[in-house]
Amino acid sequence: MELRQLGRTGLRVSAVGMGGIPIQRVDFRRAAEVVACAIGQGVNFIDTARAYTDSEAKLGEVLGKNRENVIIATKSMARTKDDMTRDIGISLESLRVNYIDLYQLHNIKDEGALLRVLAPDGALSALREAQKRGQIRFVGITGHIPAVLVKAVKTGEFDTVQFPFNPIETTGAEELLPLAKEMGIGIIAMKPFAGGAVKNKAFALRFILEQGFSTVIPGMDDVSQVTENLAAGHEPKPLTNLERVSLAEEASVLGGSFCRRCEYCQPCPQGIDIPMVFLLDGYWTRYGLQEWAVDRYRPLKARASDCVECGECESKCPYQLPIREMLKEAARHLE
């Protein structure tokens, strides 16, 4: 596995790391198999979050026993000093370690949130105190809005920045990427497959690694995914012109208004599995699998038409998608 420097931290991280979102979907035994497989094939950078339900605990089953071989990153949605202090303690216990390499402010989506965490009683102050105690080594920030992250990076407070980047989502990176590199900040690419929308995973990972990211962190919950994804890190080579055309064609079909399955919209008060509805609707609209999609939609406990338009999902969506209208469209297709 190729190792790359994570900015000014000096840490050498695997070009392809591992994201911890999908681990929530499997049991502890299978999660341990996947993580052990990833480490065995050269992954040394693993990223998770307090918000990913039991992801930290599942990863901790393996990471706690392999502490010297891994670089652990996690993150918290906490915005105040007290809440972040609490979350750091929970993360250390769940991950079964006495220090965390990189702790990140999670999903800073607007200037108000940035100002809140930077305030004297904000979450950043808790991270700085944890650094002094030796509980964390470096501090990072994550988000989905490049313009907000540019402002954050310019403060000089952060060692790393993490944001979505893939063949479909490149807007805003033209300013953020060179700025982060100039300031010596580690750059982490999340959502490399746009929440499963990009099907040619090998091309997507190679495309991202070409851009100079320190590491890319596809989520994995099966050993077959580990082998498939890590190939790009073992042999990182530029895309050919034909491969670029193939990716561009796929991106043009998808456009920009689609669900990335980040699951920030969940839980829905009506019990609608919004990402699953949109995934099935994608198969209905983009892949000509209407009958297949409808068959898999029918067993869902709540339907798209059960939406009461409360708007809670839209307030949490980092991509500002018109979820209520999209649910209506999905209902027309799948019901």
Protein backbone atom coordinates (compact mmCIF):
# COMPACT_ATOMS: atom_id res chain seq x y z
CA MET A 1 0.00 0.00 0.00
CA GLU A 2 1.31 3.44 -0.89
CA LEU A 3 1.81 5.70 2.12
CA ARG A 4 1.23 9.45 1.92
CA GLN A 5 1.98 12.23 4.38
CA LEU A 6 -1.05 13.58 6.21
CA GLY A 7 -0.03 17.21 5.89
CA ARG A 8 1.92 18.83 8.72
CA THR A 9 1.01 16.06 11.14
CA GLY A 10 3.93 14.07 9.76
CA LEU A 11 1.81 10.92 9.93
CA ARG A 12 2.22 8.52 7.00
CA VAL A 13 -1.20 7.18 6.07
CA SER A 14 -2.35 4.58 3.58
CA ALA A 15 -3.47 6.11 0.29
CA VAL A 16 -6.71 4.17 0.67
CA GLY A 17 -8.04 4.15 4.20
CA MET A 18 -11.30 2.92 5.66
CA GLY A 19 -14.47 4.81 6.50
CA GLY A 20 -16.58 3.62 9.41
CA ILE A 21 -20.16 4.34 8.33
CA PRO A 22 -21.10 0.92 6.79
CA ILE A 23 -19.77 -1.03 9.78
CA GLN A 24 -22.98 -0.04 11.56
CA ARG A 25 -24.89 -2.44 9.30
CA VAL A 26 -23.07 -5.62 10.34
CA ASP A 27 -22.59 -7.47 13.61
CA PHE A 28 -19.46 -7.33 15.76
CA ARG A 29 -18.00 -10.57 14.39
CA ARG A 30 -18.27 -9.54 10.77
CA ALA A 31 -17.04 -6.04 11.55
CA ALA A 32 -13.93 -7.50 13.18
CA GLU A 33 -13.28 -9.64 10.09
CA VAL A 34 -13.52 -6.64 7.78
CA VAL A 35 -11.27 -4.42 9.89
CA ALA A 36 -8.67 -7.14 10.38
CA CYS A 37 -8.71 -7.83 6.64
CA ALA A 38 -8.18 -4.14 5.86
CA ILE A 39 -5.26 -3.86 8.26
CA GLY A 40 -3.79 -7.08 6.90
CA GLN A 41 -3.87 -5.65 3.37
CA GLY A 42 -2.08 -2.44 4.28
CA VAL A 43 -4.72 -0.02 5.58
CA ASN A 44 -3.39 2.00 8.50
CA PHE A 45 -5.85 4.94 8.50
CA ILE A 46 -9.35 4.28 9.82
CA ASP A 47 -11.98 6.98 10.26
CA THR A 48 -15.21 6.82 12.23
CA ALA A 49 -17.44 9.14 14.27
CA ARG A 50 -19.45 9.41 17.46
CA ALA A 51 -22.55 9.85 15.29
CA TYR A 52 -22.11 6.46 13.61
CA THR A 53 -24.04 4.60 16.34
CA ASP A 54 -21.87 1.59 17.36
CA SER A 55 -19.12 2.07 14.74
CA GLU A 56 -16.51 3.16 17.28
CA ALA A 57 -17.25 0.16 19.49
CA LYS A 58 -17.06 -2.30 16.60
CA LEU A 59 -13.81 -0.84 15.32
CA GLY A 60 -12.44 -0.81 18.86
CA GLU A 61 -12.73 -4.59 19.05
CA VAL A 62 -9.79 -4.76 16.60
CA LEU A 63 -8.09 -1.38 16.85
CA GLY A 64 -7.47 -1.66 20.57
CA LYS A 65 -5.40 -4.79 19.89
CA ASN A 66 -3.51 -3.25 16.96
CA ARG A 67 -2.81 0.21 18.34
CA GLU A 68 0.73 0.50 17.03
CA ASN A 69 -0.28 -0.47 13.50
CA VAL A 70 -3.12 1.99 12.95
CA ILE A 71 -3.80 5.70 12.79
CA ILE A 72 -7.24 6.30 14.29
CA ALA A 73 -9.48 9.22 13.37
CA THR A 74 -12.89 9.95 14.78
CA LYS A 75 -15.12 13.01 15.04
CA SER A 76 -17.97 14.58 16.97
CA MET A 77 -20.96 16.79 16.20
CA ALA A 78 -20.46 18.50 19.57
CA ARG A 79 -20.35 22.28 19.35
CA THR A 80 -19.69 23.21 22.99
CA LYS A 81 -16.70 22.56 25.22
CA ASP A 82 -18.65 20.42 27.67
CA ASP A 83 -20.25 18.26 24.99
CA MET A 84 -16.95 17.72 23.20
CA THR A 85 -15.17 16.81 26.44
CA ARG A 86 -17.85 14.18 27.08
CA ASP A 87 -17.59 12.80 23.52
CA ILE A 88 -13.81 12.51 23.65
CA GLY A 89 -14.14 10.36 26.75
CA ILE A 90 -16.76 8.15 25.11
CA SER A 91 -14.60 7.76 21.98
CA LEU A 92 -11.55 6.70 23.98
CA GLU A 93 -13.58 4.10 25.86
CA SER A 94 -15.40 2.80 22.79
CA LEU A 95 -12.26 2.55 20.67
CA ARG A 96 -10.40 0.89 23.57
CA VAL A 97 -7.39 3.18 23.31
CA ASN A 98 -5.72 5.76 25.56
CA TYR A 99 -5.18 8.29 22.77
CA ILE A 100 -6.69 9.12 19.37
CA ASP A 101 -4.49 10.30 16.53
CA LEU A 102 -6.98 12.67 14.88
CA TYR A 103 -10.14 14.11 16.41
CA GLN A 104 -12.30 16.14 14.05
CA LEU A 105 -15.09 18.69 14.35
CA HIS A 106 -17.82 16.90 12.43
CA ASN A 107 -20.04 18.39 9.70
CA ILE A 108 -19.38 22.11 10.13
CA LYS A 109 -21.93 23.20 7.55
CA ASP A 110 -22.19 26.97 7.92
CA GLU A 111 -20.34 29.98 9.31
CA GLY A 112 -22.50 29.99 12.43
CA ALA A 113 -21.40 26.47 13.34
CA LEU A 114 -17.77 27.41 12.68
CA LEU A 115 -17.98 30.46 14.94
CA ARG A 116 -19.64 28.37 17.64
CA VAL A 117 -16.89 25.75 17.82
CA LEU A 118 -14.18 28.44 17.71
CA ALA A 119 -15.73 30.40 20.60
CA PRO A 120 -13.97 30.41 24.01
CA ASP A 121 -16.50 27.86 25.31
CA GLY A 122 -16.67 26.01 21.99
CA ALA A 123 -15.72 22.47 21.05
CA LEU A 124 -12.24 23.40 19.83
CA SER A 125 -11.20 24.45 23.33
CA ALA A 126 -12.02 20.95 24.58
CA LEU A 127 -9.90 19.43 21.84
CA ARG A 128 -6.96 21.67 22.77
CA GLU A 129 -7.21 20.62 26.41
CA ALA A 130 -7.38 16.96 25.35
CA GLN A 131 -4.21 17.51 23.35
CA LYS A 132 -2.45 18.81 26.45
CA ARG A 133 -3.59 15.71 28.34
CA GLY A 134 -2.23 13.46 25.59
CA GLN A 135 -5.68 12.10 24.72
CA ILE A 136 -5.57 13.31 21.11
CA ARG A 137 -2.66 14.20 18.85
CA PHE A 138 -4.13 16.33 16.07
CA VAL A 139 -7.30 18.29 15.35
CA GLY A 140 -9.25 18.27 12.09
CA ILE A 141 -12.49 19.52 10.60
CA THR A 142 -15.04 17.92 8.28
CA GLY A 143 -17.90 19.27 6.22
CA HIS A 144 -19.77 19.15 2.95
CA ILE A 145 -19.60 22.82 1.95
CA PRO A 146 -16.16 23.77 0.55
CA ALA A 147 -16.69 27.52 1.01
CA VAL A 148 -17.19 27.03 4.76
CA LEU A 149 -14.15 24.78 4.98
CA VAL A 150 -12.03 27.38 3.18
CA LYS A 151 -12.84 29.82 5.99
CA ALA A 152 -12.01 27.17 8.56
CA VAL A 153 -8.69 26.29 6.96
CA LYS A 154 -7.70 29.95 6.83
CA THR A 155 -7.95 30.19 10.62
CA GLY A 156 -4.86 27.98 10.87
CA GLU A 157 -6.48 25.98 13.68
CA PHE A 158 -6.76 22.64 11.88
CA ASP A 159 -4.28 19.95 10.94
CA THR A 160 -6.61 18.19 8.49
CA VAL A 161 -9.71 18.83 6.43
CA GLN A 162 -12.16 16.15 5.27
CA PHE A 163 -14.85 16.65 2.62
CA PRO A 164 -16.72 14.75 -0.11
CA PHE A 165 -14.86 14.42 -3.38
CA ASN A 166 -15.59 12.08 -6.26
CA PRO A 167 -16.04 12.23 -10.04
CA ILE A 168 -19.45 13.86 -9.55
CA GLU A 169 -18.69 16.17 -6.63
CA THR A 170 -15.72 18.39 -7.47
CA THR A 171 -17.23 21.87 -7.18
CA GLY A 172 -15.44 24.05 -4.66
CA ALA A 173 -12.39 21.84 -4.41
CA GLU A 174 -10.53 24.01 -6.91
CA GLU A 175 -10.04 26.57 -4.10
CA LEU A 176 -9.95 24.31 -1.06
CA LEU A 177 -7.42 21.77 -2.32
CA PRO A 178 -4.57 24.16 -3.24
CA LEU A 179 -5.17 26.23 -0.09
CA ALA A 180 -4.93 23.17 2.15
CA LYS A 181 -1.78 22.00 0.40
CA GLU A 182 -0.19 25.45 0.70
CA MET A 183 -0.90 25.52 4.42
CA GLY A 184 0.37 21.99 5.01
CA ILE A 185 -3.02 20.62 5.98
CA GLY A 186 -3.79 16.93 5.50
CA ILE A 187 -6.59 16.35 2.98
CA ILE A 188 -9.04 13.46 3.42
CA ALA A 189 -11.54 12.51 0.72
CA MET A 190 -14.83 11.08 1.94
CA LYS A 191 -17.81 9.83 -0.09
CA PRO A 192 -15.55 8.61 -2.94
CA PHE A 193 -18.45 6.78 -4.60
CA ALA A 194 -21.02 9.52 -3.93
CA GLY A 195 -22.94 7.28 -1.55
CA GLY A 196 -22.95 4.34 -3.95
CA ALA A 197 -24.03 6.34 -7.00
CA VAL A 198 -20.67 5.89 -8.75
CA LYS A 199 -20.42 2.29 -9.86
CA ASN A 200 -16.87 2.15 -11.23
CA LYS A 201 -15.12 2.21 -7.88
CA ALA A 202 -11.59 1.53 -9.16
CA PHE A 203 -11.70 4.46 -11.59
CA ALA A 204 -13.21 6.74 -8.93
CA LEU A 205 -10.50 5.97 -6.37
CA ARG A 206 -7.71 6.47 -8.89
CA PHE A 207 -9.30 9.75 -10.01
CA ILE A 208 -9.32 11.01 -6.42
CA LEU A 209 -5.76 9.93 -5.65
CA GLU A 210 -4.58 11.82 -8.75
CA GLN A 211 -5.77 15.07 -7.18
CA GLY A 212 -3.23 14.93 -4.35
CA PHE A 213 -5.40 13.84 -1.44
CA SER A 214 -3.52 12.46 1.54
CA THR A 215 -5.98 9.56 1.75
CA VAL A 216 -9.40 8.48 0.55
CA ILE A 217 -11.73 6.60 2.90
CA PRO A 218 -14.31 4.37 1.23
CA GLY A 219 -16.70 2.72 3.66
CA MET A 220 -16.49 -1.07 3.76
CA ASP A 221 -18.55 -3.74 5.49
CA ASP A 222 -17.44 -6.85 3.60
CA VAL A 223 -14.02 -8.40 2.97
CA SER A 224 -14.71 -8.51 -0.77
CA GLN A 225 -15.05 -4.71 -0.73
CA VAL A 226 -11.72 -4.44 1.05
CA THR A 227 -9.89 -6.34 -1.68
CA GLU A 228 -11.67 -4.44 -4.44
CA ASN A 229 -11.05 -0.98 -2.99
CA LEU A 230 -7.48 -1.46 -1.86
CA ALA A 231 -6.26 -2.37 -5.33
CA ALA A 232 -6.21 1.35 -6.17
CA GLY A 233 -3.87 2.00 -3.25
CA HIS A 234 -1.54 -0.86 -4.08
CA GLU A 235 -1.12 0.28 -7.67
CA PRO A 236 -2.08 3.97 -7.91
CA LYS A 237 -1.75 4.86 -11.57
CA PRO A 238 -3.21 7.72 -13.60
CA LEU A 239 -6.42 7.14 -15.50
CA THR A 240 -6.22 6.66 -19.24
CA ASN A 241 -8.16 8.97 -21.53
CA LEU A 242 -10.73 6.23 -22.14
CA GLU A 243 -11.17 5.70 -18.41
CA ARG A 244 -11.68 9.44 -17.89
CA VAL A 245 -14.35 9.49 -20.58
CA SER A 246 -16.10 6.56 -18.90
CA LEU A 247 -16.20 8.37 -15.55
CA ALA A 248 -17.35 11.61 -17.15
CA GLU A 249 -20.21 9.81 -18.88
CA GLU A 250 -21.34 8.26 -15.61
CA ALA A 251 -21.18 11.63 -13.86
CA SER A 252 -23.21 13.34 -16.56
CA VAL A 253 -26.00 10.78 -16.21
CA LEU A 254 -26.21 11.27 -12.45
CA GLY A 255 -26.13 15.06 -12.41
CA GLY A 256 -26.05 16.83 -9.03
CA SER A 257 -29.43 16.33 -7.37
CA PHE A 258 -29.17 12.83 -5.97
CA CYS A 259 -28.91 11.20 -2.58
CA ARG A 260 -25.36 10.36 -1.45
CA ARG A 261 -26.70 8.05 1.29
CA CYS A 262 -24.81 9.92 4.01
CA GLU A 263 -27.83 9.22 6.29
CA TYR A 264 -27.74 12.58 8.03
CA CYS A 265 -31.48 12.83 7.28
CA GLN A 266 -32.18 9.83 9.50
CA PRO A 267 -34.11 8.97 11.54
CA CYS A 268 -37.32 10.11 9.87
CA PRO A 269 -40.16 10.76 12.38
CA GLN A 270 -42.44 8.69 10.12
CA GLY A 271 -39.97 5.81 9.93
CA ILE A 272 -39.17 6.29 6.23
CA ASP A 273 -35.76 4.90 5.25
CA ILE A 274 -35.08 7.90 3.02
CA PRO A 275 -31.67 6.79 1.63
CA MET A 276 -33.09 3.35 0.76
CA VAL A 277 -36.10 4.89 -0.99
CA PHE A 278 -33.82 7.08 -3.08
CA LEU A 279 -31.47 4.19 -3.82
CA LEU A 280 -34.35 2.11 -5.18
CA ASP A 281 -35.70 5.09 -7.08
CA GLY A 282 -32.27 5.47 -8.64
CA TYR A 283 -32.45 1.92 -9.89
CA TRP A 284 -35.92 2.68 -11.25
CA THR A 285 -34.91 5.88 -13.04
CA ARG A 286 -31.26 5.37 -14.03
CA TYR A 287 -30.82 1.67 -14.61
CA GLY A 288 -34.10 0.53 -16.12
CA LEU A 289 -34.75 -1.89 -13.25
CA GLN A 290 -38.31 -0.82 -12.55
CA GLU A 291 -39.75 -4.21 -11.60
CA TRP A 292 -36.70 -5.11 -9.52
CA ALA A 293 -36.84 -1.79 -7.65
CA VAL A 294 -40.58 -2.05 -6.94
CA ASP A 295 -40.22 -5.61 -5.64
CA ARG A 296 -37.60 -4.44 -3.13
CA TYR A 297 -39.55 -1.35 -2.20
CA ARG A 298 -42.75 -3.17 -1.22
CA PRO A 299 -41.39 -4.78 2.01
CA LEU A 300 -40.25 -1.43 3.46
CA LYS A 301 -42.08 -0.64 6.70
CA ALA A 302 -42.78 2.96 5.71
CA ARG A 303 -43.40 4.27 2.21
CA ALA A 304 -42.37 7.50 0.54
CA SER A 305 -46.03 8.53 0.52
CA ASP A 306 -46.06 8.38 4.34
CA CYS A 307 -44.11 11.65 4.37
CA VAL A 308 -46.04 14.39 6.23
CA GLU A 309 -43.67 17.10 4.92
CA CYS A 310 -42.40 18.13 8.34
CA GLY A 311 -39.11 19.14 6.72
CA GLU A 312 -36.90 17.76 9.48
CA CYS A 313 -34.90 15.75 6.95
CA GLU A 314 -34.20 18.77 4.76
CA SER A 315 -32.90 20.77 7.72
CA LYS A 316 -30.26 18.06 8.31
CA CYS A 317 -29.29 17.34 4.68
CA PRO A 318 -25.75 18.68 4.03
CA TYR A 319 -26.50 18.81 0.29
CA GLN A 320 -29.68 20.87 0.72
CA LEU A 321 -31.67 18.41 -1.37
CA PRO A 322 -35.43 18.97 -1.81
CA ILE A 323 -36.14 15.70 -0.04
CA ARG A 324 -39.89 16.19 0.27
CA GLU A 325 -40.29 16.71 -3.46
CA MET A 326 -37.92 13.84 -4.19
CA LEU A 327 -40.01 11.54 -1.98
CA LYS A 328 -43.12 12.50 -3.94
CA GLU A 329 -41.33 11.63 -7.17
CA ALA A 330 -40.15 8.31 -5.74
CA ALA A 331 -43.71 7.49 -4.66
CA ARG A 332 -44.94 8.09 -8.21
CA HIS A 333 -42.38 5.60 -9.50
CA LEU A 334 -42.39 2.93 -6.83
CA GLU A 335 -46.00 2.90 -5.66
